[in-house]
N, C-alpha and C. Protein backbone atom coordinates (compact mmCIF):
# COMPACT_ATOMS: atom_id res chain seq x y z
N UNK A 1 3.10 -40.93 32.31
CA UNK A 1 2.65 -40.73 31.01
C UNK A 1 1.25 -40.32 31.07
N UNK A 2 0.81 -39.29 30.41
CA UNK A 2 -0.55 -38.88 30.32
C UNK A 2 -1.30 -39.67 29.39
N UNK A 3 -2.64 -39.76 29.55
CA UNK A 3 -3.60 -40.50 28.75
C UNK A 3 -3.36 -40.01 27.26
N UNK A 4 -3.19 -41.05 26.36
CA UNK A 4 -3.10 -40.78 25.00
C UNK A 4 -3.75 -41.88 24.19
N UNK A 5 -4.88 -41.73 23.68
CA UNK A 5 -5.69 -42.82 22.96
C UNK A 5 -4.92 -43.50 21.85
N UNK A 6 -4.20 -42.66 21.07
CA UNK A 6 -3.46 -43.29 19.98
C UNK A 6 -2.35 -44.24 20.51
N UNK A 7 -1.75 -43.91 21.59
CA UNK A 7 -0.74 -44.86 22.19
C UNK A 7 -1.34 -46.09 22.77
N UNK A 8 -2.49 -45.91 23.34
CA UNK A 8 -3.17 -47.00 23.86
C UNK A 8 -3.57 -48.04 22.68
N UNK A 9 -4.02 -47.42 21.64
CA UNK A 9 -4.38 -48.21 20.43
C UNK A 9 -3.20 -49.01 19.84
N UNK A 10 -2.01 -48.39 19.91
CA UNK A 10 -0.78 -49.01 19.47
C UNK A 10 -0.74 -50.45 20.18
N UNK A 11 -0.92 -50.50 21.41
CA UNK A 11 -0.79 -51.73 22.13
C UNK A 11 -2.05 -52.71 21.85
N UNK A 12 -3.21 -52.11 21.84
CA UNK A 12 -4.45 -52.93 21.63
C UNK A 12 -4.37 -53.51 20.20
N UNK A 13 -3.74 -52.87 19.20
CA UNK A 13 -3.58 -53.44 17.85
C UNK A 13 -2.60 -54.64 17.88
N UNK A 14 -1.61 -54.65 18.65
CA UNK A 14 -0.49 -55.63 18.68
C UNK A 14 -0.87 -56.86 19.45
N UNK A 15 -1.75 -56.79 20.40
CA UNK A 15 -1.91 -57.90 21.34
C UNK A 15 -2.34 -59.17 20.66
N UNK A 16 -3.21 -59.16 19.54
CA UNK A 16 -3.55 -60.45 18.95
C UNK A 16 -2.30 -61.09 18.26
N UNK A 17 -1.40 -60.27 17.70
CA UNK A 17 -0.19 -60.81 17.11
C UNK A 17 0.64 -61.43 18.15
N UNK A 18 0.91 -60.76 19.28
CA UNK A 18 1.67 -61.17 20.35
C UNK A 18 1.31 -62.52 20.84
N UNK A 19 0.00 -62.64 21.10
CA UNK A 19 -0.61 -63.85 21.58
C UNK A 19 -0.50 -64.97 20.65
N UNK A 20 -0.86 -64.72 19.40
CA UNK A 20 -0.71 -65.78 18.39
C UNK A 20 0.70 -66.23 18.25
N UNK A 21 1.65 -65.31 18.22
CA UNK A 21 3.07 -65.73 18.05
C UNK A 21 3.54 -66.59 19.29
N UNK A 22 3.04 -66.14 20.40
CA UNK A 22 3.51 -66.82 21.58
C UNK A 22 2.83 -68.22 21.82
N UNK A 23 1.62 -68.32 21.35
CA UNK A 23 0.93 -69.65 21.78
C UNK A 23 0.68 -70.59 20.69
N UNK A 24 0.35 -70.12 19.44
CA UNK A 24 -0.06 -71.12 18.38
C UNK A 24 1.15 -71.97 18.02
N UNK A 25 0.89 -73.29 18.04
CA UNK A 25 1.90 -74.19 17.71
C UNK A 25 2.69 -74.83 18.85
N UNK A 26 2.40 -74.39 20.07
CA UNK A 26 2.99 -74.84 21.25
C UNK A 26 2.34 -76.22 21.66
N UNK A 27 2.95 -77.06 22.26
CA UNK A 27 2.37 -78.34 22.74
C UNK A 27 1.38 -78.11 23.80
N UNK A 28 0.54 -79.00 23.93
CA UNK A 28 -0.62 -78.84 24.93
C UNK A 28 -0.18 -78.63 26.34
N UNK A 29 1.07 -79.12 26.71
CA UNK A 29 1.52 -78.94 28.07
C UNK A 29 1.75 -77.37 28.37
N UNK A 30 2.22 -76.71 27.34
CA UNK A 30 2.33 -75.20 27.52
C UNK A 30 1.04 -74.56 27.60
N UNK A 31 0.16 -74.96 26.76
CA UNK A 31 -1.18 -74.30 26.72
C UNK A 31 -2.15 -74.57 27.86
N UNK A 32 -2.08 -75.82 28.37
CA UNK A 32 -3.06 -76.20 29.37
C UNK A 32 -2.64 -76.24 30.78
N UNK A 33 -1.32 -75.97 31.02
CA UNK A 33 -0.89 -76.03 32.41
C UNK A 33 -1.09 -74.71 33.16
N UNK A 34 -1.43 -74.73 34.35
CA UNK A 34 -1.65 -73.48 35.15
C UNK A 34 -0.71 -73.50 36.37
N UNK A 35 -0.95 -72.62 37.35
CA UNK A 35 -0.06 -72.41 38.54
C UNK A 35 -0.69 -73.20 39.75
N UNK A 36 -1.74 -73.92 39.56
CA UNK A 36 -2.37 -74.62 40.68
C UNK A 36 -3.88 -74.45 40.70
N UNK A 37 -4.43 -74.93 41.75
CA UNK A 37 -5.89 -74.82 41.91
C UNK A 37 -6.34 -73.42 41.78
N UNK A 38 -7.50 -73.25 41.08
CA UNK A 38 -8.16 -71.94 40.84
C UNK A 38 -7.16 -70.91 40.15
N UNK A 39 -6.31 -71.38 39.34
CA UNK A 39 -5.62 -70.40 38.56
C UNK A 39 -5.80 -70.81 37.03
N UNK A 40 -5.32 -69.93 36.17
CA UNK A 40 -5.60 -69.98 34.75
C UNK A 40 -4.48 -70.50 33.94
N UNK A 41 -4.80 -71.26 33.01
CA UNK A 41 -3.73 -71.70 31.96
C UNK A 41 -3.71 -70.58 30.91
N UNK A 42 -2.72 -70.61 29.93
CA UNK A 42 -2.72 -69.80 28.76
C UNK A 42 -4.05 -69.96 27.95
N UNK A 43 -4.54 -71.22 27.89
CA UNK A 43 -5.77 -71.48 27.13
C UNK A 43 -6.88 -70.74 27.76
N UNK A 44 -6.90 -70.80 29.20
CA UNK A 44 -8.02 -70.11 29.90
C UNK A 44 -8.00 -68.60 29.71
N UNK A 45 -6.80 -68.01 29.75
CA UNK A 45 -6.62 -66.58 29.51
C UNK A 45 -7.14 -66.24 28.05
N UNK A 46 -6.79 -66.97 27.09
CA UNK A 46 -7.21 -66.77 25.76
C UNK A 46 -8.73 -66.75 25.66
N UNK A 47 -9.42 -67.66 26.32
CA UNK A 47 -10.87 -67.67 26.31
C UNK A 47 -11.37 -66.35 27.07
N UNK A 48 -10.71 -65.91 28.08
CA UNK A 48 -11.06 -64.77 28.79
C UNK A 48 -10.98 -63.53 27.90
N UNK A 49 -9.86 -63.45 27.10
CA UNK A 49 -9.65 -62.35 26.17
C UNK A 49 -10.95 -62.32 25.23
N UNK A 50 -11.24 -63.45 24.65
CA UNK A 50 -12.31 -63.53 23.75
C UNK A 50 -13.61 -63.09 24.28
N UNK A 51 -13.91 -63.52 25.54
CA UNK A 51 -15.12 -63.22 26.15
C UNK A 51 -15.23 -61.60 26.47
N UNK A 52 -14.08 -61.17 26.92
CA UNK A 52 -13.95 -59.67 27.20
C UNK A 52 -14.23 -58.89 25.96
N UNK A 53 -13.53 -59.31 24.90
CA UNK A 53 -13.65 -58.60 23.65
C UNK A 53 -15.17 -58.57 23.14
N UNK A 54 -15.85 -59.68 23.34
CA UNK A 54 -17.17 -59.84 22.87
C UNK A 54 -18.21 -59.05 23.76
N UNK A 55 -17.91 -58.88 25.06
CA UNK A 55 -18.95 -58.46 25.97
C UNK A 55 -18.72 -57.31 26.83
N UNK A 56 -17.44 -56.84 26.80
CA UNK A 56 -17.02 -55.90 27.81
C UNK A 56 -16.72 -54.45 27.37
N UNK A 57 -15.58 -54.33 26.59
CA UNK A 57 -15.04 -52.99 26.34
C UNK A 57 -15.90 -52.06 25.57
N UNK A 58 -16.38 -52.42 24.42
CA UNK A 58 -17.17 -51.55 23.55
C UNK A 58 -18.50 -51.21 24.19
N UNK A 59 -19.07 -52.23 24.82
CA UNK A 59 -20.30 -52.01 25.38
C UNK A 59 -20.28 -51.00 26.53
N UNK A 60 -19.20 -51.13 27.27
CA UNK A 60 -18.95 -50.14 28.36
C UNK A 60 -18.73 -48.67 27.79
N UNK A 61 -18.01 -48.69 26.77
CA UNK A 61 -17.67 -47.31 26.17
C UNK A 61 -19.07 -46.69 25.77
N UNK A 62 -19.90 -47.46 25.16
CA UNK A 62 -21.19 -46.94 24.69
C UNK A 62 -21.99 -46.58 25.91
N UNK A 63 -22.05 -47.23 27.00
CA UNK A 63 -22.71 -46.87 28.11
C UNK A 63 -22.27 -45.44 28.59
N UNK A 64 -20.97 -45.24 28.63
CA UNK A 64 -20.41 -43.96 29.01
C UNK A 64 -20.87 -42.87 27.98
N UNK A 65 -20.66 -43.10 26.78
CA UNK A 65 -20.95 -42.02 25.80
C UNK A 65 -22.47 -41.71 25.63
N UNK A 66 -23.24 -42.64 26.04
CA UNK A 66 -24.73 -42.38 25.82
C UNK A 66 -25.53 -42.46 27.12
N UNK A 67 -24.90 -42.55 28.30
CA UNK A 67 -25.54 -42.73 29.59
C UNK A 67 -25.60 -41.48 30.28
N UNK A 68 -25.24 -40.26 29.83
CA UNK A 68 -25.21 -38.98 30.57
C UNK A 68 -24.71 -39.07 31.99
N UNK A 69 -23.60 -39.88 32.11
CA UNK A 69 -23.04 -40.05 33.45
C UNK A 69 -23.74 -40.94 34.37
N UNK A 70 -24.79 -41.42 34.11
CA UNK A 70 -25.58 -42.31 35.07
C UNK A 70 -25.82 -43.75 34.55
N UNK A 71 -25.20 -44.03 33.31
CA UNK A 71 -25.33 -45.35 32.85
C UNK A 71 -24.51 -46.26 33.53
N UNK A 72 -25.20 -47.47 33.95
CA UNK A 72 -24.49 -48.52 34.74
C UNK A 72 -24.08 -49.63 33.89
N UNK A 73 -22.76 -50.10 33.99
CA UNK A 73 -22.29 -51.17 33.18
C UNK A 73 -22.98 -52.46 33.65
N UNK A 74 -23.20 -53.38 32.73
CA UNK A 74 -23.61 -54.70 33.16
C UNK A 74 -22.39 -55.43 33.73
N UNK A 75 -22.74 -56.32 34.74
CA UNK A 75 -21.63 -57.14 35.31
C UNK A 75 -20.93 -57.90 34.21
N UNK A 76 -19.61 -58.18 34.43
CA UNK A 76 -18.84 -58.95 33.58
C UNK A 76 -18.51 -60.26 34.17
N UNK A 77 -18.77 -61.36 33.51
CA UNK A 77 -18.50 -62.66 34.03
C UNK A 77 -17.03 -63.08 33.74
N UNK A 78 -16.15 -62.76 34.75
CA UNK A 78 -14.70 -63.12 34.49
C UNK A 78 -14.39 -64.48 34.31
N UNK A 79 -15.37 -65.43 34.47
CA UNK A 79 -14.98 -66.85 34.37
C UNK A 79 -15.84 -67.47 33.32
N UNK A 80 -16.44 -66.69 32.42
CA UNK A 80 -17.25 -67.24 31.30
C UNK A 80 -16.57 -68.17 30.31
N UNK A 81 -15.26 -67.95 30.26
CA UNK A 81 -14.47 -68.72 29.26
C UNK A 81 -14.44 -70.21 29.56
N UNK A 82 -14.62 -70.56 30.79
CA UNK A 82 -14.55 -71.99 31.11
C UNK A 82 -15.66 -72.77 30.34
N UNK A 83 -16.76 -72.08 30.18
CA UNK A 83 -17.84 -72.83 29.45
C UNK A 83 -17.82 -72.39 27.96
N UNK A 84 -17.54 -71.13 27.58
CA UNK A 84 -17.62 -70.61 26.28
C UNK A 84 -16.43 -71.15 25.37
N UNK A 85 -15.28 -71.62 26.02
CA UNK A 85 -14.18 -72.03 25.11
C UNK A 85 -14.11 -73.51 24.99
N UNK A 86 -15.05 -74.26 25.58
CA UNK A 86 -15.07 -75.71 25.52
C UNK A 86 -15.07 -76.19 23.98
N UNK A 87 -14.12 -77.10 23.73
CA UNK A 87 -14.04 -77.68 22.39
C UNK A 87 -13.29 -76.85 21.32
N UNK A 88 -12.80 -75.72 21.69
CA UNK A 88 -12.09 -74.87 20.78
C UNK A 88 -10.60 -75.16 20.98
N UNK A 89 -9.83 -74.98 19.82
CA UNK A 89 -8.34 -75.06 19.94
C UNK A 89 -7.78 -73.63 20.31
N UNK A 90 -6.49 -73.66 20.69
CA UNK A 90 -5.88 -72.41 20.89
C UNK A 90 -5.91 -71.52 19.64
N UNK A 91 -5.64 -72.21 18.45
CA UNK A 91 -5.73 -71.44 17.24
C UNK A 91 -7.03 -70.78 17.01
N UNK A 92 -8.08 -71.57 17.28
CA UNK A 92 -9.41 -70.92 17.05
C UNK A 92 -9.65 -69.85 18.03
N UNK A 93 -9.22 -69.90 19.26
CA UNK A 93 -9.41 -68.77 20.17
C UNK A 93 -8.53 -67.57 19.75
N UNK A 94 -7.27 -67.86 19.30
CA UNK A 94 -6.53 -66.67 18.73
C UNK A 94 -7.17 -66.00 17.55
N UNK A 95 -7.65 -66.80 16.67
CA UNK A 95 -8.27 -66.15 15.43
C UNK A 95 -9.54 -65.38 15.85
N UNK A 96 -10.32 -66.02 16.75
CA UNK A 96 -11.58 -65.34 17.20
C UNK A 96 -11.27 -64.06 17.95
N UNK A 97 -10.23 -64.01 18.77
CA UNK A 97 -9.85 -62.88 19.38
C UNK A 97 -9.36 -61.80 18.39
N UNK A 98 -8.55 -62.19 17.50
CA UNK A 98 -8.07 -61.26 16.45
C UNK A 98 -9.30 -60.58 15.75
N UNK A 99 -10.22 -61.39 15.25
CA UNK A 99 -11.41 -60.90 14.52
C UNK A 99 -12.17 -59.95 15.43
N UNK A 100 -12.44 -60.23 16.66
CA UNK A 100 -13.29 -59.43 17.54
C UNK A 100 -12.47 -58.10 17.85
N UNK A 101 -11.18 -58.16 18.05
CA UNK A 101 -10.34 -57.04 18.35
C UNK A 101 -10.35 -56.10 17.07
N UNK A 102 -10.30 -56.56 15.91
CA UNK A 102 -10.29 -55.74 14.73
C UNK A 102 -11.58 -55.01 14.57
N UNK A 103 -12.67 -55.73 14.79
CA UNK A 103 -13.96 -55.02 14.79
C UNK A 103 -14.14 -54.02 15.86
N UNK A 104 -13.63 -54.34 17.07
CA UNK A 104 -13.79 -53.40 18.19
C UNK A 104 -12.96 -52.17 17.93
N UNK A 105 -11.77 -52.33 17.33
CA UNK A 105 -10.94 -51.18 17.09
C UNK A 105 -11.47 -50.25 15.95
N UNK A 106 -12.16 -50.91 15.00
CA UNK A 106 -12.95 -50.11 13.96
C UNK A 106 -14.08 -49.37 14.58
N UNK A 107 -14.79 -49.95 15.51
CA UNK A 107 -15.88 -49.35 16.20
C UNK A 107 -15.41 -48.21 16.99
N UNK A 108 -14.28 -48.41 17.77
CA UNK A 108 -13.67 -47.39 18.52
C UNK A 108 -13.19 -46.16 17.66
N UNK A 109 -12.57 -46.48 16.52
CA UNK A 109 -12.13 -45.42 15.61
C UNK A 109 -13.40 -44.64 15.13
N UNK A 110 -14.48 -45.32 14.72
CA UNK A 110 -15.58 -44.60 14.28
C UNK A 110 -16.44 -43.80 15.28
N UNK A 111 -16.06 -43.90 16.58
CA UNK A 111 -16.71 -43.11 17.52
C UNK A 111 -16.17 -41.72 17.49
N UNK A 112 -15.06 -41.49 16.79
CA UNK A 112 -14.47 -40.11 16.71
C UNK A 112 -14.39 -39.42 17.98
N UNK A 113 -13.73 -40.03 19.03
CA UNK A 113 -13.75 -39.54 20.38
C UNK A 113 -13.01 -38.26 20.35
N UNK A 114 -13.47 -37.34 21.19
CA UNK A 114 -12.91 -36.01 21.36
C UNK A 114 -12.39 -35.94 22.84
N UNK A 115 -11.56 -34.94 23.13
CA UNK A 115 -10.99 -34.78 24.48
C UNK A 115 -12.10 -34.72 25.56
N UNK A 116 -13.07 -34.01 25.14
CA UNK A 116 -14.19 -33.89 26.18
C UNK A 116 -15.00 -35.24 26.40
N UNK A 117 -14.75 -36.21 25.63
CA UNK A 117 -15.44 -37.52 25.83
C UNK A 117 -14.61 -38.33 26.94
N UNK A 118 -13.38 -38.06 27.12
CA UNK A 118 -12.51 -38.85 27.97
C UNK A 118 -12.83 -38.64 29.47
N UNK A 119 -13.51 -37.48 29.72
CA UNK A 119 -13.90 -37.36 31.15
C UNK A 119 -15.39 -37.70 31.48
N UNK A 120 -16.08 -38.10 30.41
CA UNK A 120 -17.45 -38.69 30.63
C UNK A 120 -17.38 -39.84 31.52
N UNK A 121 -18.44 -40.19 32.20
CA UNK A 121 -18.40 -41.19 33.22
C UNK A 121 -19.54 -42.22 33.03
N UNK A 122 -19.37 -43.34 33.58
CA UNK A 122 -20.39 -44.39 33.72
C UNK A 122 -20.22 -44.94 35.12
N UNK A 123 -21.11 -45.92 35.43
CA UNK A 123 -21.17 -46.43 36.84
C UNK A 123 -20.70 -47.98 36.68
N UNK A 124 -19.61 -48.25 37.28
CA UNK A 124 -19.08 -49.61 37.34
C UNK A 124 -19.83 -50.34 38.49
N UNK A 125 -20.34 -51.47 38.46
CA UNK A 125 -21.06 -52.25 39.48
C UNK A 125 -20.27 -52.34 40.80
N UNK A 126 -18.88 -52.40 40.75
CA UNK A 126 -18.16 -52.60 41.90
C UNK A 126 -17.39 -51.25 42.37
N UNK A 127 -16.93 -50.49 41.31
CA UNK A 127 -16.13 -49.33 41.66
C UNK A 127 -16.92 -48.03 41.73
N UNK A 128 -18.14 -48.03 41.14
CA UNK A 128 -18.84 -46.72 41.13
C UNK A 128 -18.39 -45.92 39.91
N UNK A 129 -18.36 -44.63 40.01
CA UNK A 129 -18.21 -43.84 38.91
C UNK A 129 -16.70 -43.95 38.31
N UNK A 130 -16.67 -44.12 37.06
CA UNK A 130 -15.41 -44.26 36.35
C UNK A 130 -15.47 -43.42 34.99
N UNK A 131 -14.29 -42.90 34.58
CA UNK A 131 -14.29 -42.17 33.39
C UNK A 131 -13.99 -43.06 32.11
N UNK A 132 -14.21 -42.51 30.96
CA UNK A 132 -13.88 -43.16 29.71
C UNK A 132 -12.38 -43.37 29.57
N UNK A 133 -11.64 -42.38 29.98
CA UNK A 133 -10.05 -42.64 29.90
C UNK A 133 -9.66 -43.66 30.83
N UNK A 134 -10.29 -43.76 32.03
CA UNK A 134 -9.91 -44.92 32.91
C UNK A 134 -10.28 -46.26 32.26
N UNK A 135 -11.49 -46.36 31.66
CA UNK A 135 -11.97 -47.60 31.02
C UNK A 135 -10.90 -47.95 29.83
N UNK A 136 -10.59 -46.96 29.04
CA UNK A 136 -9.77 -47.25 27.93
C UNK A 136 -8.32 -47.65 28.43
N UNK A 137 -7.84 -46.99 29.37
CA UNK A 137 -6.49 -47.31 29.97
C UNK A 137 -6.49 -48.68 30.56
N UNK A 138 -7.69 -49.10 31.21
CA UNK A 138 -7.84 -50.40 31.75
C UNK A 138 -7.89 -51.48 30.59
N UNK A 139 -8.40 -51.12 29.48
CA UNK A 139 -8.47 -52.09 28.44
C UNK A 139 -7.00 -52.47 27.93
N UNK A 140 -6.23 -51.46 27.77
CA UNK A 140 -4.82 -51.71 27.34
C UNK A 140 -4.04 -52.36 28.47
N UNK A 141 -4.24 -51.95 29.76
CA UNK A 141 -3.45 -52.55 30.81
C UNK A 141 -3.83 -54.09 31.05
N UNK A 142 -5.20 -54.32 30.85
CA UNK A 142 -5.85 -55.68 30.86
C UNK A 142 -4.95 -56.49 29.83
N UNK A 143 -4.82 -56.11 28.65
CA UNK A 143 -3.97 -56.87 27.71
C UNK A 143 -2.62 -57.16 28.22
N UNK A 144 -1.98 -56.21 28.70
CA UNK A 144 -0.61 -56.43 29.18
C UNK A 144 -0.60 -57.40 30.47
N UNK A 145 -1.53 -57.07 31.25
CA UNK A 145 -1.60 -57.87 32.52
C UNK A 145 -1.81 -59.40 32.20
N UNK A 146 -2.61 -59.74 31.18
CA UNK A 146 -2.72 -61.10 30.88
C UNK A 146 -1.68 -61.67 30.07
N UNK A 147 -0.93 -60.90 29.32
CA UNK A 147 0.22 -61.39 28.53
C UNK A 147 1.35 -61.75 29.58
N UNK A 148 1.42 -60.83 30.73
CA UNK A 148 2.28 -61.19 31.71
C UNK A 148 1.89 -62.52 32.42
N UNK A 149 0.67 -62.67 32.69
CA UNK A 149 0.08 -63.81 33.36
C UNK A 149 0.49 -65.08 32.56
N UNK A 150 0.26 -65.02 31.30
CA UNK A 150 0.61 -66.18 30.38
C UNK A 150 2.09 -66.56 30.51
N UNK A 151 2.93 -65.56 30.33
CA UNK A 151 4.45 -65.86 30.36
C UNK A 151 4.91 -66.30 31.82
N UNK A 152 4.25 -65.69 32.72
CA UNK A 152 4.59 -66.20 34.13
C UNK A 152 4.26 -67.65 34.30
N UNK A 153 2.99 -68.05 33.95
CA UNK A 153 2.65 -69.41 34.03
C UNK A 153 3.56 -70.35 33.25
N UNK A 154 3.87 -69.89 31.98
CA UNK A 154 4.82 -70.70 31.22
C UNK A 154 6.18 -70.87 31.91
N UNK A 155 6.65 -69.71 32.38
CA UNK A 155 7.99 -69.78 32.97
C UNK A 155 8.06 -70.62 34.18
N UNK A 156 7.04 -70.59 35.01
CA UNK A 156 7.04 -71.32 36.17
C UNK A 156 7.01 -72.90 35.93
N UNK A 157 6.79 -73.26 34.80
CA UNK A 157 6.76 -74.68 34.49
C UNK A 157 8.20 -75.23 34.65
N UNK A 158 9.18 -74.31 34.57
CA UNK A 158 10.59 -74.69 34.72
C UNK A 158 11.33 -74.08 35.82
N UNK A 159 10.56 -73.66 36.84
CA UNK A 159 11.08 -73.10 38.01
C UNK A 159 12.06 -74.09 38.73
N UNK A 160 11.67 -75.28 38.94
CA UNK A 160 12.48 -76.27 39.81
C UNK A 160 13.74 -76.48 38.90
N UNK A 161 13.69 -76.52 37.58
CA UNK A 161 14.83 -76.86 36.74
C UNK A 161 15.82 -75.68 36.65
N UNK A 162 15.32 -74.41 37.00
CA UNK A 162 16.29 -73.30 36.99
C UNK A 162 17.28 -73.25 38.11
N UNK A 163 17.04 -74.13 39.08
CA UNK A 163 18.01 -74.13 40.21
C UNK A 163 18.34 -72.82 40.81
N UNK A 164 19.58 -72.45 41.08
CA UNK A 164 19.94 -71.25 41.85
C UNK A 164 19.61 -69.98 41.10
N UNK A 165 19.40 -70.12 39.82
CA UNK A 165 19.10 -68.87 38.91
C UNK A 165 17.73 -68.29 39.32
N UNK A 166 16.84 -69.03 40.00
CA UNK A 166 15.62 -68.54 40.39
C UNK A 166 15.78 -67.09 41.08
N UNK A 167 16.78 -67.04 41.84
CA UNK A 167 17.19 -65.81 42.61
C UNK A 167 17.10 -64.64 41.71
N UNK A 168 17.56 -64.77 40.41
CA UNK A 168 17.81 -63.64 39.48
C UNK A 168 16.54 -63.43 38.52
N UNK A 169 15.58 -64.38 38.58
CA UNK A 169 14.53 -64.41 37.65
C UNK A 169 13.19 -63.98 38.41
N UNK A 170 12.95 -62.71 38.39
CA UNK A 170 11.76 -62.26 39.04
C UNK A 170 10.44 -63.01 38.68
N UNK A 171 10.30 -63.38 37.46
CA UNK A 171 9.17 -64.02 36.91
C UNK A 171 8.92 -65.32 37.61
N UNK A 172 10.01 -66.06 38.07
CA UNK A 172 9.86 -67.23 38.70
C UNK A 172 9.59 -67.10 40.19
N UNK A 173 9.79 -65.86 40.75
CA UNK A 173 9.52 -65.67 42.20
C UNK A 173 8.23 -64.99 42.36
N UNK A 174 7.56 -64.52 41.40
CA UNK A 174 6.33 -63.82 41.42
C UNK A 174 5.16 -64.78 41.84
């Protein structure tokens, strides 16, 4: 599939609803359980979504659009949620994420991006030169990657109880 901004936005718009439907109202054991040491729970992932929405995507788009190809992205703290989410409920994180995403999608829409913008570049601190289309594609894939992470963590809570069916359930073998 070729890069298509409108199709990416279709996913970006739906992510808050998916997460809220999946997580809000579940017991704490679903929300706070992870896969072991140094792994993330669904709660941690939601905090990560909020932090990324607040500090990552739009800022990097602006660096690309206004940096003449030489603008360098600020480093992104992939673990900031552990401090930033303290004391918040999963409902609060979901609502915060929804509000931030709505604002960011309006900002993206107001940028009136043209085909020529998608090949513009910025400098990622780890990867070097990246294009706007790569960044936008990553934003969408990031959403789907973490949705998968959440459902995998949740499914694995019942891995032992699934018995021999684990053989047929890829999510329990991942």
